[in-house]
């Protein structure tokens, strides 16, 4: 399948729903939330949520799936706002525009991130058309992925490891938490809401783990080779902060080969699925060929 129009269509629908969920109300807090949330971006996590649901159901995703994906995007955006703060990565640019604390101020950025994280769980607690058992399963999955046994722990390890040479296992474990956990939660949430059986859910989780790691390897590569104009953020920052990365550990060719191997394993996990999993297959390939 041709991925570009699929991504454009799905990302456009995500953008519209995000706009509806966080309406402009004239307050400084909402303006800061919208500044970061509606700055565009790949929207890979909500698209993965939708694509996983469609792979299971064989039909267009229902409203609950779209809302779940948008809640995940809120959590992702909160993490970016906080990552960019002076106490963490101290970045000036995100998605081609000033970071939230540069556009507003540090306190407003912290509160905007807090608000997006909290709003995400309000959305997840009110998924349209989903029964309480499914809502609870999705909330459990996403909260575990975002919290101290997932993304936040990964971020902590990333900060603590600056200036330290991590081995391949420690690096993979860190990124499995920091990046992979929320990608896995995105795929799993869509599958759960589409009534996936245990075997299909397990296969999709295997797929998600492989592409989650491949996504981080690709990010590390882009931080060296990427075009700041296309990426909307600075490059070369990992080396400046003396972070352990896959290119620094394996060399650039080794990192690229590793990412390709992960994508091949992800595609193997999708063998039991039919044509409705075409977008998931295309996204796996896109992850290591993207330019931003």
C-alpha atoms as a PDB file:
ATOM      1  CA  UNK A   1       0.000   0.000   0.000  1.00  0.00           C
ATOM      2  CA  UNK A   2       1.001   3.652  -0.392  1.00  0.00           C
ATOM      3  CA  UNK A   3       1.640   4.969   3.091  1.00  0.00           C
ATOM      4  CA  UNK A   4       1.846   8.715   2.491  1.00  0.00           C
ATOM      5  CA  UNK A   5      -1.872   9.326   1.752  1.00  0.00           C
ATOM      6  CA  UNK A   6      -2.859   6.931   4.543  1.00  0.00           C
ATOM      7  CA  UNK A   7      -0.742   8.812   7.085  1.00  0.00           C
ATOM      8  CA  UNK A   8      -1.977  12.173   5.826  1.00  0.00           C
ATOM      9  CA  UNK A   9      -5.619  11.118   6.108  1.00  0.00           C
ATOM     10  CA  UNK A  10      -5.276   9.560   9.557  1.00  0.00           C
ATOM     11  CA  UNK A  11      -3.086  12.371  10.906  1.00  0.00           C
ATOM     12  CA  UNK A  12      -5.616  14.913   9.635  1.00  0.00           C
ATOM     13  CA  UNK A  13      -8.412  13.146  11.506  1.00  0.00           C
ATOM     14  CA  UNK A  14      -6.262  13.015  14.652  1.00  0.00           C
ATOM     15  CA  UNK A  15      -5.530  16.731  14.337  1.00  0.00           C
ATOM     16  CA  UNK A  16      -9.228  17.577  14.080  1.00  0.00           C
ATOM     17  CA  UNK A  17     -10.163  15.467  17.100  1.00  0.00           C
ATOM     18  CA  UNK A  18      -7.315  16.935  19.173  1.00  0.00           C
ATOM     19  CA  UNK A  19      -8.551  20.395  18.230  1.00  0.00           C
ATOM     20  CA  UNK A  20     -12.050  19.429  19.417  1.00  0.00           C
ATOM     21  CA  UNK A  21     -10.784  17.900  22.655  1.00  0.00           C
ATOM     22  CA  UNK A  22      -8.661  20.934  23.587  1.00  0.00           C
ATOM     23  CA  UNK A  23     -10.719  23.878  22.391  1.00  0.00           C
ATOM     24  CA  UNK A  24      -9.401  27.428  22.510  1.00  0.00           C
ATOM     25  CA  UNK A  25     -10.907  29.182  25.523  1.00  0.00           C
ATOM     26  CA  UNK A  26      -8.802  32.337  25.814  1.00  0.00           C
ATOM     27  CA  UNK A  27      -6.741  31.121  28.778  1.00  0.00           C
ATOM     28  CA  UNK A  28      -2.957  31.090  28.860  1.00  0.00           C
ATOM     29  CA  UNK A  29      -2.879  27.447  29.967  1.00  0.00           C
ATOM     30  CA  UNK A  30      -4.991  26.236  27.045  1.00  0.00           C
ATOM     31  CA  UNK A  31      -2.974  28.360  24.618  1.00  0.00           C
ATOM     32  CA  UNK A  32       0.216  26.659  25.834  1.00  0.00           C
ATOM     33  CA  UNK A  33      -1.372  23.198  25.598  1.00  0.00           C
ATOM     34  CA  UNK A  34      -2.549  23.879  22.046  1.00  0.00           C
ATOM     35  CA  UNK A  35       0.809  25.401  21.070  1.00  0.00           C
ATOM     36  CA  UNK A  36       2.511  22.044  21.591  1.00  0.00           C
ATOM     37  CA  UNK A  37      -0.358  19.623  20.954  1.00  0.00           C
ATOM     38  CA  UNK A  38      -1.396  21.127  17.608  1.00  0.00           C
ATOM     39  CA  UNK A  39       2.112  21.684  16.251  1.00  0.00           C
ATOM     40  CA  UNK A  40       1.761  18.859  13.753  1.00  0.00           C
ATOM     41  CA  UNK A  41       4.190  15.980  13.951  1.00  0.00           C
ATOM     42  CA  UNK A  42       4.020  12.451  12.627  1.00  0.00           C
ATOM     43  CA  UNK A  43       1.131  11.330  14.883  1.00  0.00           C
ATOM     44  CA  UNK A  44       2.598   7.836  14.680  1.00  0.00           C
ATOM     45  CA  UNK A  45       1.198   6.689  18.032  1.00  0.00           C
ATOM     46  CA  UNK A  46      -2.483   7.454  17.363  1.00  0.00           C
ATOM     47  CA  UNK A  47      -2.131   6.177  13.798  1.00  0.00           C
ATOM     48  CA  UNK A  48      -0.684   2.914  15.151  1.00  0.00           C
ATOM     49  CA  UNK A  49      -3.643   2.665  17.539  1.00  0.00           C
ATOM     50  CA  UNK A  50      -6.084   3.045  14.648  1.00  0.00           C
ATOM     51  CA  UNK A  51      -4.142   0.741  12.312  1.00  0.00           C
ATOM     52  CA  UNK A  52      -3.966  -2.005  14.941  1.00  0.00           C
ATOM     53  CA  UNK A  53      -7.721  -1.826  15.520  1.00  0.00           C
ATOM     54  CA  UNK A  54      -8.376  -2.044  11.783  1.00  0.00           C
ATOM     55  CA  UNK A  55      -6.002  -5.015  11.451  1.00  0.00           C
ATOM     56  CA  UNK A  56      -8.064  -6.868  14.058  1.00  0.00           C
ATOM     57  CA  UNK A  57     -11.588  -5.834  13.043  1.00  0.00           C
ATOM     58  CA  UNK A  58     -11.187  -5.641   9.262  1.00  0.00           C
ATOM     59  CA  UNK A  59     -13.137  -2.385   9.178  1.00  0.00           C
ATOM     60  CA  UNK A  60     -12.694   1.324   9.885  1.00  0.00           C
ATOM     61  CA  UNK A  61     -11.782   2.110  13.480  1.00  0.00           C
ATOM     62  CA  UNK A  62     -14.560   3.236  15.802  1.00  0.00           C
ATOM     63  CA  UNK A  63     -14.692   6.457  17.822  1.00  0.00           C
ATOM     64  CA  UNK A  64     -13.287   4.874  20.989  1.00  0.00           C
ATOM     65  CA  UNK A  65     -10.105   3.962  19.126  1.00  0.00           C
ATOM     66  CA  UNK A  66      -9.633   7.492  17.815  1.00  0.00           C
ATOM     67  CA  UNK A  67     -10.135   8.953  21.281  1.00  0.00           C
ATOM     68  CA  UNK A  68      -7.682   6.465  22.760  1.00  0.00           C
ATOM     69  CA  UNK A  69      -5.096   7.382  20.142  1.00  0.00           C
ATOM     70  CA  UNK A  70      -5.575  11.087  20.835  1.00  0.00           C
ATOM     71  CA  UNK A  71      -5.169  10.515  24.579  1.00  0.00           C
ATOM     72  CA  UNK A  72      -1.878   8.777  23.842  1.00  0.00           C
ATOM     73  CA  UNK A  73      -0.807  11.750  21.716  1.00  0.00           C
ATOM     74  CA  UNK A  74      -1.582  14.056  24.655  1.00  0.00           C
ATOM     75  CA  UNK A  75       0.667  11.961  26.886  1.00  0.00           C
ATOM     76  CA  UNK A  76       3.381  11.955  24.235  1.00  0.00           C
ATOM     77  CA  UNK A  77       3.150  15.742  23.877  1.00  0.00           C
ATOM     78  CA  UNK A  78       3.318  16.261  27.642  1.00  0.00           C
ATOM     79  CA  UNK A  79       6.527  14.205  27.688  1.00  0.00           C
ATOM     80  CA  UNK A  80       8.023  16.347  24.913  1.00  0.00           C
ATOM     81  CA  UNK A  81       7.135  19.590  26.712  1.00  0.00           C
ATOM     82  CA  UNK A  82       8.863  18.353  29.861  1.00  0.00           C
ATOM     83  CA  UNK A  83      11.811  16.842  27.948  1.00  0.00           C
ATOM     84  CA  UNK A  84      12.491  20.246  26.396  1.00  0.00           C
ATOM     85  CA  UNK A  85      12.643  22.099  29.733  1.00  0.00           C
ATOM     86  CA  UNK A  86      15.926  23.675  30.900  1.00  0.00           C
ATOM     87  CA  UNK A  87      16.249  21.096  33.704  1.00  0.00           C
ATOM     88  CA  UNK A  88      16.189  18.288  31.134  1.00  0.00           C
ATOM     89  CA  UNK A  89      17.254  18.703  27.475  1.00  0.00           C
ATOM     90  CA  UNK A  90      16.931  22.521  27.360  1.00  0.00           C
ATOM     91  CA  UNK A  91      15.788  22.634  23.724  1.00  0.00           C
ATOM     92  CA  UNK A  92      14.660  25.748  21.857  1.00  0.00           C
ATOM     93  CA  UNK A  93      12.814  24.119  18.963  1.00  0.00           C
ATOM     94  CA  UNK A  94      10.213  21.362  18.685  1.00  0.00           C
ATOM     95  CA  UNK A  95       8.232  20.417  15.563  1.00  0.00           C
ATOM     96  CA  UNK A  96       9.554  23.509  13.813  1.00  0.00           C
ATOM     97  CA  UNK A  97       8.362  26.048  16.388  1.00  0.00           C
ATOM     98  CA  UNK A  98       9.661  27.384  19.710  1.00  0.00           C
ATOM     99  CA  UNK A  99       9.396  24.888  22.548  1.00  0.00           C
ATOM    100  CA  UNK A 100       6.592  25.534  25.022  1.00  0.00           C
ATOM    101  CA  UNK A 101       8.802  27.119  27.673  1.00  0.00           C
ATOM    102  CA  UNK A 102      10.353  29.425  25.062  1.00  0.00           C
ATOM    103  CA  UNK A 103       6.982  30.460  23.611  1.00  0.00           C
ATOM    104  CA  UNK A 104       5.478  31.016  27.080  1.00  0.00           C
ATOM    105  CA  UNK A 105       7.602  30.483  30.194  1.00  0.00           C
ATOM    106  CA  UNK A 106       8.931  27.573  32.195  1.00  0.00           C
ATOM    107  CA  UNK A 107       6.133  27.450  34.783  1.00  0.00           C
ATOM    108  CA  UNK A 108       3.439  27.601  32.096  1.00  0.00           C
ATOM    109  CA  UNK A 109       5.150  24.811  30.157  1.00  0.00           C
ATOM    110  CA  UNK A 110       5.269  22.578  33.245  1.00  0.00           C
ATOM    111  CA  UNK A 111       1.576  23.171  33.900  1.00  0.00           C
ATOM    112  CA  UNK A 112       0.663  22.643  30.224  1.00  0.00           C
ATOM    113  CA  UNK A 113       2.386  19.267  30.329  1.00  0.00           C
ATOM    114  CA  UNK A 114       0.644  18.388  33.594  1.00  0.00           C
ATOM    115  CA  UNK A 115      -2.714  19.408  32.110  1.00  0.00           C
ATOM    116  CA  UNK A 116      -2.262  17.297  28.970  1.00  0.00           C
ATOM    117  CA  UNK A 117      -1.286  14.235  30.989  1.00  0.00           C
ATOM    118  CA  UNK A 118      -4.315  14.595  33.253  1.00  0.00           C
ATOM    119  CA  UNK A 119      -6.714  15.361  30.398  1.00  0.00           C
ATOM    120  CA  UNK A 120      -5.550  12.221  28.606  1.00  0.00           C
ATOM    121  CA  UNK A 121      -6.935  10.059  31.394  1.00  0.00           C
ATOM    122  CA  UNK A 122     -10.193  11.988  31.447  1.00  0.00           C
ATOM    123  CA  UNK A 123     -10.521  11.134  27.748  1.00  0.00           C
ATOM    124  CA  UNK A 124      -9.623   7.486  28.380  1.00  0.00           C
ATOM    125  CA  UNK A 125     -12.236   7.251  31.119  1.00  0.00           C
ATOM    126  CA  UNK A 126     -14.943   8.348  28.686  1.00  0.00           C
ATOM    127  CA  UNK A 127     -14.189   6.430  25.484  1.00  0.00           C
ATOM    128  CA  UNK A 128     -17.354   6.695  23.342  1.00  0.00           C
ATOM    129  CA  UNK A 129     -19.091   3.380  22.823  1.00  0.00           C
ATOM    130  CA  UNK A 130     -16.553   1.329  24.786  1.00  0.00           C
ATOM    131  CA  UNK A 131     -17.674  -0.722  27.763  1.00  0.00           C
ATOM    132  CA  UNK A 132     -16.153  -0.183  31.194  1.00  0.00           C
ATOM    133  CA  UNK A 133     -14.045  -3.342  31.036  1.00  0.00           C
ATOM    134  CA  UNK A 134     -12.325  -2.245  27.820  1.00  0.00           C
ATOM    135  CA  UNK A 135     -11.810   1.288  29.128  1.00  0.00           C
ATOM    136  CA  UNK A 136     -10.174  -0.094  32.251  1.00  0.00           C
ATOM    137  CA  UNK A 137      -7.942  -2.459  30.263  1.00  0.00           C
ATOM    138  CA  UNK A 138      -6.748   0.399  28.061  1.00  0.00           C
ATOM    139  CA  UNK A 139      -6.185   2.721  31.049  1.00  0.00           C
ATOM    140  CA  UNK A 140      -4.144   0.044  32.793  1.00  0.00           C
ATOM    141  CA  UNK A 141      -2.057  -0.561  29.686  1.00  0.00           C
ATOM    142  CA  UNK A 142      -1.365   3.122  28.980  1.00  0.00           C
ATOM    143  CA  UNK A 143      -0.755   4.182  32.589  1.00  0.00           C
ATOM    144  CA  UNK A 144       1.793   1.382  33.034  1.00  0.00           C
ATOM    145  CA  UNK A 145       3.543   2.372  29.804  1.00  0.00           C
ATOM    146  CA  UNK A 146       3.666   6.077  30.698  1.00  0.00           C
ATOM    147  CA  UNK A 147       4.643   5.822  34.343  1.00  0.00           C
ATOM    148  CA  UNK A 148       7.527   4.770  36.612  1.00  0.00           C
ATOM    149  CA  UNK A 149       7.784   1.318  35.035  1.00  0.00           C
ATOM    150  CA  UNK A 150       7.708   2.729  31.521  1.00  0.00           C
ATOM    151  CA  UNK A 151       8.388   6.049  29.823  1.00  0.00           C
ATOM    152  CA  UNK A 152       9.234   8.097  32.932  1.00  0.00           C
ATOM    153  CA  UNK A 153      11.746   5.504  34.126  1.00  0.00           C
ATOM    154  CA  UNK A 154      13.249   5.468  30.637  1.00  0.00           C
ATOM    155  CA  UNK A 155      13.624   9.246  30.739  1.00  0.00           C
ATOM    156  CA  UNK A 156      15.250   9.014  34.163  1.00  0.00           C
ATOM    157  CA  UNK A 157      17.740   6.448  32.925  1.00  0.00           C
ATOM    158  CA  UNK A 158      18.456   8.561  29.846  1.00  0.00           C
ATOM    159  CA  UNK A 159      19.309  11.585  31.983  1.00  0.00           C
ATOM    160  CA  UNK A 160      21.373   9.549  34.447  1.00  0.00           C
ATOM    161  CA  UNK A 161      23.356   7.944  31.633  1.00  0.00           C
ATOM    162  CA  UNK A 162      24.639  11.197  30.104  1.00  0.00           C
ATOM    163  CA  UNK A 163      28.422  10.976  29.938  1.00  0.00           C
ATOM    164  CA  UNK A 164      28.293   7.218  30.561  1.00  0.00           C
ATOM    165  CA  UNK A 165      28.982   4.526  27.966  1.00  0.00           C
ATOM    166  CA  UNK A 166      26.087   2.068  28.142  1.00  0.00           C
ATOM    167  CA  UNK A 167      26.389  -1.442  26.753  1.00  0.00           C
ATOM    168  CA  UNK A 168      23.928  -2.727  24.151  1.00  0.00           C
ATOM    169  CA  UNK A 169      21.652  -4.404  26.711  1.00  0.00           C
ATOM    170  CA  UNK A 170      21.364  -1.339  28.970  1.00  0.00           C
ATOM    171  CA  UNK A 171      20.757   0.924  25.972  1.00  0.00           C
ATOM    172  CA  UNK A 172      18.048  -1.363  24.590  1.00  0.00           C
ATOM    173  CA  UNK A 173      16.355  -1.657  27.979  1.00  0.00           C
ATOM    174  CA  UNK A 174      16.384   2.124  28.465  1.00  0.00           C
ATOM    175  CA  UNK A 175      14.833   2.804  25.078  1.00  0.00           C
ATOM    176  CA  UNK A 176      12.330  -0.006  25.502  1.00  0.00           C
ATOM    177  CA  UNK A 177      11.039   2.013  28.444  1.00  0.00           C
ATOM    178  CA  UNK A 178      11.484   5.549  27.128  1.00  0.00           C
ATOM    179  CA  UNK A 179      10.144   5.094  23.586  1.00  0.00           C
ATOM    180  CA  UNK A 180       8.986   1.526  23.116  1.00  0.00           C
ATOM    181  CA  UNK A 181       6.526   1.293  25.995  1.00  0.00           C
ATOM    182  CA  UNK A 182       4.160   3.943  24.645  1.00  0.00           C
ATOM    183  CA  UNK A 183       4.382   2.591  21.093  1.00  0.00           C
ATOM    184  CA  UNK A 184       3.476  -0.842  22.437  1.00  0.00           C
ATOM    185  CA  UNK A 185       0.596   0.688  24.408  1.00  0.00           C
ATOM    186  CA  UNK A 186      -0.658   2.440  21.265  1.00  0.00           C
ATOM    187  CA  UNK A 187      -0.860  -0.803  19.302  1.00  0.00           C
ATOM    188  CA  UNK A 188      -2.231  -2.813  22.215  1.00  0.00           C
ATOM    189  CA  UNK A 189      -4.953  -0.246  22.993  1.00  0.00           C
ATOM    190  CA  UNK A 190      -6.293  -0.297  19.451  1.00  0.00           C
ATOM    191  CA  UNK A 191      -6.249  -4.090  19.412  1.00  0.00           C
ATOM    192  CA  UNK A 192      -8.012  -4.362  22.782  1.00  0.00           C
ATOM    193  CA  UNK A 193     -10.765  -1.970  21.727  1.00  0.00           C
ATOM    194  CA  UNK A 194     -11.271  -4.033  18.554  1.00  0.00           C
ATOM    195  CA  UNK A 195     -11.732  -7.253  20.572  1.00  0.00           C
ATOM    196  CA  UNK A 196      -8.416  -8.916  19.728  1.00  0.00           C
ATOM    197  CA  UNK A 197      -8.040 -12.497  20.868  1.00  0.00           C
ATOM    198  CA  UNK A 198      -5.000 -13.289  23.060  1.00  0.00           C
ATOM    199  CA  UNK A 199      -2.976 -14.762  20.198  1.00  0.00           C
ATOM    200  CA  UNK A 200      -3.529 -11.786  17.894  1.00  0.00           C
ATOM    201  CA  UNK A 201      -2.806  -9.316  20.709  1.00  0.00           C
ATOM    202  CA  UNK A 202       0.432 -11.137  21.493  1.00  0.00           C
ATOM    203  CA  UNK A 203       1.519 -10.976  17.832  1.00  0.00           C
ATOM    204  CA  UNK A 204       0.776  -7.256  17.642  1.00  0.00           C
ATOM    205  CA  UNK A 205       2.724  -6.617  20.837  1.00  0.00           C
ATOM    206  CA  UNK A 206       5.724  -8.430  19.338  1.00  0.00           C
ATOM    207  CA  UNK A 207       5.393  -6.208  16.283  1.00  0.00           C
ATOM    208  CA  UNK A 208       5.165  -3.082  18.435  1.00  0.00           C
ATOM    209  CA  UNK A 209       8.234  -3.943  20.506  1.00  0.00           C
ATOM    210  CA  UNK A 210      10.335  -4.342  17.401  1.00  0.00           C
ATOM    211  CA  UNK A 211       9.185  -1.129  15.733  1.00  0.00           C
ATOM    212  CA  UNK A 212       9.439   0.761  19.030  1.00  0.00           C
ATOM    213  CA  UNK A 213      13.125  -0.063  19.253  1.00  0.00           C
ATOM    214  CA  UNK A 214      13.623   0.558  15.525  1.00  0.00           C
ATOM    215  CA  UNK A 215      12.015   3.986  15.975  1.00  0.00           C
ATOM    216  CA  UNK A 216      14.595   4.924  18.609  1.00  0.00           C
ATOM    217  CA  UNK A 217      17.497   3.613  16.520  1.00  0.00           C
ATOM    218  CA  UNK A 218      16.221   5.739  13.626  1.00  0.00           C
ATOM    219  CA  UNK A 219      15.977   8.759  15.946  1.00  0.00           C
ATOM    220  CA  UNK A 220      19.607   8.258  16.981  1.00  0.00           C
ATOM    221  CA  UNK A 221      20.638   8.067  13.325  1.00  0.00           C
ATOM    222  CA  UNK A 222      18.660  11.203  12.441  1.00  0.00           C
ATOM    223  CA  UNK A 223      20.301  13.065  15.324  1.00  0.00           C
ATOM    224  CA  UNK A 224      23.562  12.563  13.437  1.00  0.00           C
ATOM    225  CA  UNK A 225      22.500  12.653   9.784  1.00  0.00           C
ATOM    226  CA  UNK A 226      19.139  14.424   9.840  1.00  0.00           C
ATOM    227  CA  UNK A 227      18.229  17.750   8.264  1.00  0.00           C
ATOM    228  CA  UNK A 228      17.163  20.254  10.961  1.00  0.00           C
ATOM    229  CA  UNK A 229      14.827  21.941   8.461  1.00  0.00           C
ATOM    230  CA  UNK A 230      12.900  18.726   7.854  1.00  0.00           C
ATOM    231  CA  UNK A 231      13.033  17.546  11.455  1.00  0.00           C
ATOM    232  CA  UNK A 232      11.972  20.824  13.026  1.00  0.00           C
ATOM    233  CA  UNK A 233      14.571  20.476  15.776  1.00  0.00           C
ATOM    234  CA  UNK A 234      18.314  20.609  16.258  1.00  0.00           C
ATOM    235  CA  UNK A 235      20.614  17.718  15.344  1.00  0.00           C
ATOM    236  CA  UNK A 236      23.913  16.708  16.913  1.00  0.00           C
ATOM    237  CA  UNK A 237      22.524  17.175  20.415  1.00  0.00           C
ATOM    238  CA  UNK A 238      23.145  13.570  21.515  1.00  0.00           C
ATOM    239  CA  UNK A 239      26.880  13.947  20.949  1.00  0.00           C
ATOM    240  CA  UNK A 240      26.953  17.319  22.713  1.00  0.00           C
ATOM    241  CA  UNK A 241      25.279  15.779  25.765  1.00  0.00           C
ATOM    242  CA  UNK A 242      27.534  12.706  25.566  1.00  0.00           C
ATOM    243  CA  UNK A 243      24.587  10.342  25.326  1.00  0.00           C
ATOM    244  CA  UNK A 244      24.961   6.667  24.522  1.00  0.00           C
ATOM    245  CA  UNK A 245      23.341   6.003  21.153  1.00  0.00           C
ATOM    246  CA  UNK A 246      23.200   3.167  18.667  1.00  0.00           C
ATOM    247  CA  UNK A 247      25.503   4.894  16.158  1.00  0.00           C
ATOM    248  CA  UNK A 248      28.052   5.571  18.926  1.00  0.00           C
ATOM    249  CA  UNK A 249      27.828   1.964  20.110  1.00  0.00           C
ATOM    250  CA  UNK A 250      27.592   0.130  16.783  1.00  0.00           C
ATOM    251  CA  UNK A 251      28.806   2.635  14.235  1.00  0.00           C
ATOM    252  CA  UNK A 252      26.443   4.169  11.685  1.00  0.00           C
ATOM    253  CA  UNK A 253      26.375   1.148   9.366  1.00  0.00           C
ATOM    254  CA  UNK A 254      25.845  -1.212  12.284  1.00  0.00           C
ATOM    255  CA  UNK A 255      22.990   0.895  13.643  1.00  0.00           C
ATOM    256  CA  UNK A 256      21.269   0.962  10.254  1.00  0.00           C
ATOM    257  CA  UNK A 257      21.633  -2.806   9.871  1.00  0.00           C
ATOM    258  CA  UNK A 258      20.254  -3.331  13.383  1.00  0.00           C
ATOM    259  CA  UNK A 259      17.197  -1.185  12.586  1.00  0.00           C
ATOM    260  CA  UNK A 260      16.565  -3.100   9.367  1.00  0.00           C
ATOM    261  CA  UNK A 261      16.727  -6.388  11.269  1.00  0.00           C
ATOM    262  CA  UNK A 262      14.184  -5.129  13.803  1.00  0.00           C
ATOM    263  CA  UNK A 263      11.792  -4.156  11.016  1.00  0.00           C
ATOM    264  CA  UNK A 264      12.155  -7.606   9.451  1.00  0.00           C
ATOM    265  CA  UNK A 265      11.231  -9.193  12.799  1.00  0.00           C
ATOM    266  CA  UNK A 266       8.249  -6.838  13.123  1.00  0.00           C
ATOM    267  CA  UNK A 267       7.006  -7.892   9.692  1.00  0.00           C
ATOM    268  CA  UNK A 268       7.349 -11.560  10.661  1.00  0.00           C
ATOM    269  CA  UNK A 269       4.989 -10.943  13.579  1.00  0.00           C
ATOM    270  CA  UNK A 270       2.346  -9.738  11.097  1.00  0.00           C
ATOM    271  CA  UNK A 271       2.397 -12.866   8.938  1.00  0.00           C
ATOM    272  CA  UNK A 272      -0.887 -14.227  10.435  1.00  0.00           C
ATOM    273  CA  UNK A 273      -2.757 -11.032   9.483  1.00  0.00           C
ATOM    274  CA  UNK A 274      -4.449 -10.215   6.177  1.00  0.00           C
ATOM    275  CA  UNK A 275      -4.516  -7.100   3.984  1.00  0.00           C
ATOM    276  CA  UNK A 276      -5.994  -4.988   6.774  1.00  0.00           C
ATOM    277  CA  UNK A 277      -2.547  -5.080   8.393  1.00  0.00           C
ATOM    278  CA  UNK A 278      -1.059  -3.402   5.306  1.00  0.00           C
ATOM    279  CA  UNK A 279      -0.716  -0.028   7.079  1.00  0.00           C
ATOM    280  CA  UNK A 280       1.142  -1.659   9.974  1.00  0.00           C
ATOM    281  CA  UNK A 281       3.548  -3.250   7.504  1.00  0.00           C
ATOM    282  CA  UNK A 282       4.071   0.049   5.700  1.00  0.00           C
ATOM    283  CA  UNK A 283       4.619   1.934   8.969  1.00  0.00           C
ATOM    284  CA  UNK A 284       7.329  -0.542   9.972  1.00  0.00           C
ATOM    285  CA  UNK A 285       9.231   0.200   6.777  1.00  0.00           C
ATOM    286  CA  UNK A 286       8.614   3.939   7.090  1.00  0.00           C
ATOM    287  CA  UNK A 287      10.133   4.115  10.571  1.00  0.00           C
ATOM    288  CA  UNK A 288      13.652   3.548   9.285  1.00  0.00           C
ATOM    289  CA  UNK A 289      13.317   5.552   6.046  1.00  0.00           C
ATOM    290  CA  UNK A 290      11.718   8.691   7.497  1.00  0.00           C
ATOM    291  CA  UNK A 291      13.542  11.991   7.392  1.00  0.00           C
ATOM    292  CA  UNK A 292      11.988  13.539  10.510  1.00  0.00           C
END
